[in-house]
Amino acid sequence: MLHRHLNDEHFSIAAIDDVIARGRREDWARLGLALLADPGLAEKVRRVCRPNVIDPYAQRYHFLMNYVEERFAS
């Protein structure tokens, strides 16, 4: 799936938000691999997820925020 603001595998804030909100499994896998390759990307994910975890029904954001907090605890 082509996501807005995603070019050359560069995950901008908008691209991360788009992958979380609309992405399929393959898109999540690419984001996961990018996180493993560049742990600095975890802070961008936190910035995207933080405002969305207020909503208890935003399960995708909760899932990814919990993953990043556990995997990349600083």
N, C-alpha and C. Protein backbone atom coordinates (compact mmCIF):
# COMPACT_ATOMS: atom_id res chain seq x y z
N MET A 1 0.85 -1.18 0.00
CA MET A 1 0.00 0.00 0.00
C MET A 1 0.89 1.23 0.00
N LEU A 2 0.61 2.16 -0.85
CA LEU A 2 1.35 3.41 -0.86
C LEU A 2 0.74 4.36 0.15
N HIS A 3 1.57 4.90 0.99
CA HIS A 3 1.09 5.80 2.03
C HIS A 3 1.54 7.22 1.73
N ARG A 4 0.71 8.14 2.11
CA ARG A 4 1.04 9.54 1.87
C ARG A 4 2.30 9.89 2.64
N HIS A 5 3.08 10.75 2.08
CA HIS A 5 4.30 11.27 2.71
C HIS A 5 5.37 10.19 2.92
N LEU A 6 5.24 9.04 2.29
CA LEU A 6 6.23 7.99 2.46
C LEU A 6 6.97 7.81 1.14
N ASN A 7 8.22 8.23 1.16
CA ASN A 7 9.01 8.07 -0.05
C ASN A 7 10.41 7.60 0.33
N ASP A 8 10.95 6.70 -0.46
CA ASP A 8 12.29 6.17 -0.23
C ASP A 8 12.45 5.57 1.16
N GLU A 9 11.39 4.93 1.66
CA GLU A 9 11.43 4.28 2.96
C GLU A 9 11.73 5.24 4.11
N HIS A 10 11.49 6.51 3.90
CA HIS A 10 11.70 7.51 4.95
C HIS A 10 10.40 7.65 5.73
N PHE A 11 10.44 7.34 6.99
CA PHE A 11 9.24 7.40 7.81
C PHE A 11 9.14 8.76 8.51
N SER A 12 8.37 9.64 7.92
CA SER A 12 8.11 10.94 8.54
C SER A 12 7.00 10.74 9.58
N ILE A 13 6.73 11.77 10.36
CA ILE A 13 5.65 11.71 11.34
C ILE A 13 4.32 11.39 10.64
N ALA A 14 4.06 12.07 9.54
CA ALA A 14 2.80 11.85 8.80
C ALA A 14 2.74 10.44 8.23
N ALA A 15 3.85 9.93 7.75
CA ALA A 15 3.87 8.57 7.19
C ALA A 15 3.63 7.53 8.28
N ILE A 16 4.23 7.73 9.45
CA ILE A 16 4.01 6.80 10.56
C ILE A 16 2.54 6.79 10.95
N ASP A 17 1.96 7.97 11.06
CA ASP A 17 0.54 8.07 11.41
C ASP A 17 -0.32 7.37 10.37
N ASP A 18 0.01 7.53 9.11
CA ASP A 18 -0.75 6.90 8.04
C ASP A 18 -0.64 5.39 8.10
N VAL A 19 0.55 4.87 8.36
CA VAL A 19 0.75 3.43 8.45
C VAL A 19 -0.05 2.87 9.62
N ILE A 20 0.00 3.55 10.77
CA ILE A 20 -0.74 3.07 11.94
C ILE A 20 -2.24 3.09 11.67
N ALA A 21 -2.74 4.18 11.14
CA ALA A 21 -4.19 4.34 10.95
C ALA A 21 -4.74 3.49 9.82
N ARG A 22 -4.00 3.36 8.71
CA ARG A 22 -4.57 2.73 7.53
C ARG A 22 -3.79 1.54 6.99
N GLY A 23 -2.65 1.25 7.62
CA GLY A 23 -1.76 0.25 7.08
C GLY A 23 -2.27 -1.18 7.22
N ARG A 24 -1.75 -2.00 6.35
CA ARG A 24 -2.02 -3.44 6.40
C ARG A 24 -0.85 -4.12 7.10
N ARG A 25 -0.93 -5.41 7.22
CA ARG A 25 0.11 -6.17 7.93
C ARG A 25 1.50 -5.93 7.32
N GLU A 26 1.59 -5.91 6.01
CA GLU A 26 2.88 -5.71 5.34
C GLU A 26 3.47 -4.33 5.68
N ASP A 27 2.60 -3.34 5.77
CA ASP A 27 3.05 -1.99 6.10
C ASP A 27 3.57 -1.93 7.53
N TRP A 28 2.87 -2.61 8.43
CA TRP A 28 3.31 -2.67 9.83
C TRP A 28 4.64 -3.39 9.92
N ALA A 29 4.81 -4.44 9.12
CA ALA A 29 6.08 -5.19 9.12
C ALA A 29 7.23 -4.29 8.67
N ARG A 30 6.99 -3.48 7.64
CA ARG A 30 8.03 -2.56 7.18
C ARG A 30 8.37 -1.54 8.26
N LEU A 31 7.36 -1.04 8.95
CA LEU A 31 7.60 -0.10 10.04
C LEU A 31 8.37 -0.78 11.17
N GLY A 32 8.01 -2.00 11.48
CA GLY A 32 8.72 -2.76 12.52
C GLY A 32 10.18 -2.98 12.17
N LEU A 33 10.44 -3.33 10.92
CA LEU A 33 11.83 -3.51 10.49
C LEU A 33 12.60 -2.20 10.53
N ALA A 34 11.94 -1.12 10.16
CA ALA A 34 12.59 0.20 10.22
C ALA A 34 12.91 0.57 11.66
N LEU A 35 12.02 0.24 12.59
CA LEU A 35 12.28 0.50 14.01
C LEU A 35 13.49 -0.29 14.50
N LEU A 36 13.60 -1.54 14.09
CA LEU A 36 14.73 -2.36 14.50
C LEU A 36 16.04 -1.84 13.91
N ALA A 37 15.98 -1.34 12.68
CA ALA A 37 17.18 -0.82 12.02
C ALA A 37 17.59 0.53 12.57
N ASP A 38 16.60 1.33 12.99
CA ASP A 38 16.87 2.68 13.50
C ASP A 38 16.06 2.91 14.76
N PRO A 39 16.61 2.55 15.93
CA PRO A 39 15.86 2.74 17.18
C PRO A 39 15.48 4.19 17.45
N GLY A 40 16.14 5.14 16.82
CA GLY A 40 15.78 6.55 16.97
C GLY A 40 14.39 6.85 16.43
N LEU A 41 13.89 5.99 15.58
CA LEU A 41 12.56 6.13 15.01
C LEU A 41 11.48 5.92 16.09
N ALA A 42 11.85 5.27 17.18
CA ALA A 42 10.89 5.00 18.26
C ALA A 42 10.34 6.30 18.84
N GLU A 43 11.16 7.34 18.91
CA GLU A 43 10.67 8.61 19.45
C GLU A 43 9.62 9.23 18.53
N LYS A 44 9.77 9.07 17.23
CA LYS A 44 8.73 9.56 16.30
C LYS A 44 7.43 8.80 16.51
N VAL A 45 7.53 7.49 16.72
CA VAL A 45 6.34 6.68 16.96
C VAL A 45 5.66 7.13 18.24
N ARG A 46 6.44 7.40 19.27
CA ARG A 46 5.86 7.90 20.53
C ARG A 46 5.11 9.21 20.30
N ARG A 47 5.72 10.11 19.51
CA ARG A 47 5.09 11.41 19.24
C ARG A 47 3.76 11.25 18.50
N VAL A 48 3.68 10.25 17.64
CA VAL A 48 2.44 10.01 16.91
C VAL A 48 1.39 9.36 17.82
N CYS A 49 1.82 8.42 18.62
CA CYS A 49 0.87 7.64 19.44
C CYS A 49 0.38 8.40 20.66
N ARG A 50 1.22 9.21 21.27
CA ARG A 50 0.86 9.86 22.53
C ARG A 50 -0.50 10.56 22.50
N PRO A 51 -0.79 11.40 21.52
CA PRO A 51 -2.10 12.07 21.53
C PRO A 51 -3.27 11.13 21.24
N ASN A 52 -2.99 10.00 20.64
CA ASN A 52 -4.07 9.09 20.24
C ASN A 52 -4.43 8.06 21.30
N VAL A 53 -3.54 7.81 22.25
CA VAL A 53 -3.84 6.78 23.25
C VAL A 53 -4.85 7.26 24.29
N ILE A 54 -5.25 8.51 24.21
CA ILE A 54 -6.32 9.02 25.06
C ILE A 54 -7.62 8.29 24.74
N ASP A 55 -7.78 7.95 23.47
CA ASP A 55 -8.98 7.25 23.01
C ASP A 55 -8.84 5.76 23.30
N PRO A 56 -9.67 5.19 24.17
CA PRO A 56 -9.53 3.77 24.50
C PRO A 56 -9.82 2.83 23.32
N TYR A 57 -10.44 3.36 22.28
CA TYR A 57 -10.75 2.53 21.11
C TYR A 57 -9.69 2.62 20.02
N ALA A 58 -8.66 3.40 20.21
CA ALA A 58 -7.58 3.53 19.22
C ALA A 58 -6.57 2.41 19.46
N GLN A 59 -7.00 1.19 19.21
CA GLN A 59 -6.21 0.02 19.56
C GLN A 59 -4.88 -0.06 18.82
N ARG A 60 -4.85 0.38 17.59
CA ARG A 60 -3.59 0.33 16.83
C ARG A 60 -2.53 1.21 17.49
N TYR A 61 -2.94 2.38 17.95
CA TYR A 61 -2.01 3.30 18.59
C TYR A 61 -1.57 2.75 19.95
N HIS A 62 -2.51 2.16 20.69
CA HIS A 62 -2.17 1.54 21.97
C HIS A 62 -1.17 0.41 21.78
N PHE A 63 -1.43 -0.42 20.78
CA PHE A 63 -0.55 -1.55 20.51
C PHE A 63 0.87 -1.07 20.21
N LEU A 64 0.99 -0.14 19.28
CA LEU A 64 2.33 0.30 18.88
C LEU A 64 3.03 1.07 19.99
N MET A 65 2.29 1.87 20.75
CA MET A 65 2.89 2.59 21.87
C MET A 65 3.43 1.61 22.90
N ASN A 66 2.65 0.58 23.22
CA ASN A 66 3.11 -0.43 24.17
C ASN A 66 4.33 -1.18 23.65
N TYR A 67 4.32 -1.51 22.37
CA TYR A 67 5.47 -2.20 21.77
C TYR A 67 6.73 -1.35 21.88
N VAL A 68 6.62 -0.08 21.50
CA VAL A 68 7.79 0.81 21.53
C VAL A 68 8.27 1.02 22.97
N GLU A 69 7.33 1.19 23.90
CA GLU A 69 7.71 1.40 25.30
C GLU A 69 8.45 0.17 25.86
N GLU A 70 7.98 -1.02 25.51
CA GLU A 70 8.63 -2.24 26.01
C GLU A 70 9.97 -2.51 25.31
N ARG A 71 9.96 -2.39 24.00
CA ARG A 71 11.14 -2.76 23.21
C ARG A 71 12.26 -1.72 23.28
N PHE A 72 11.89 -0.45 23.31
CA PHE A 72 12.88 0.62 23.24
C PHE A 72 12.84 1.51 24.48
N ALA A 73 12.67 0.90 25.63
CA ALA A 73 12.64 1.67 26.89
C ALA A 73 13.97 2.37 27.07
N SER A 74 13.86 3.67 27.38
CA SER A 74 15.11 4.43 27.56
C SER A 74 15.22 4.99 28.95
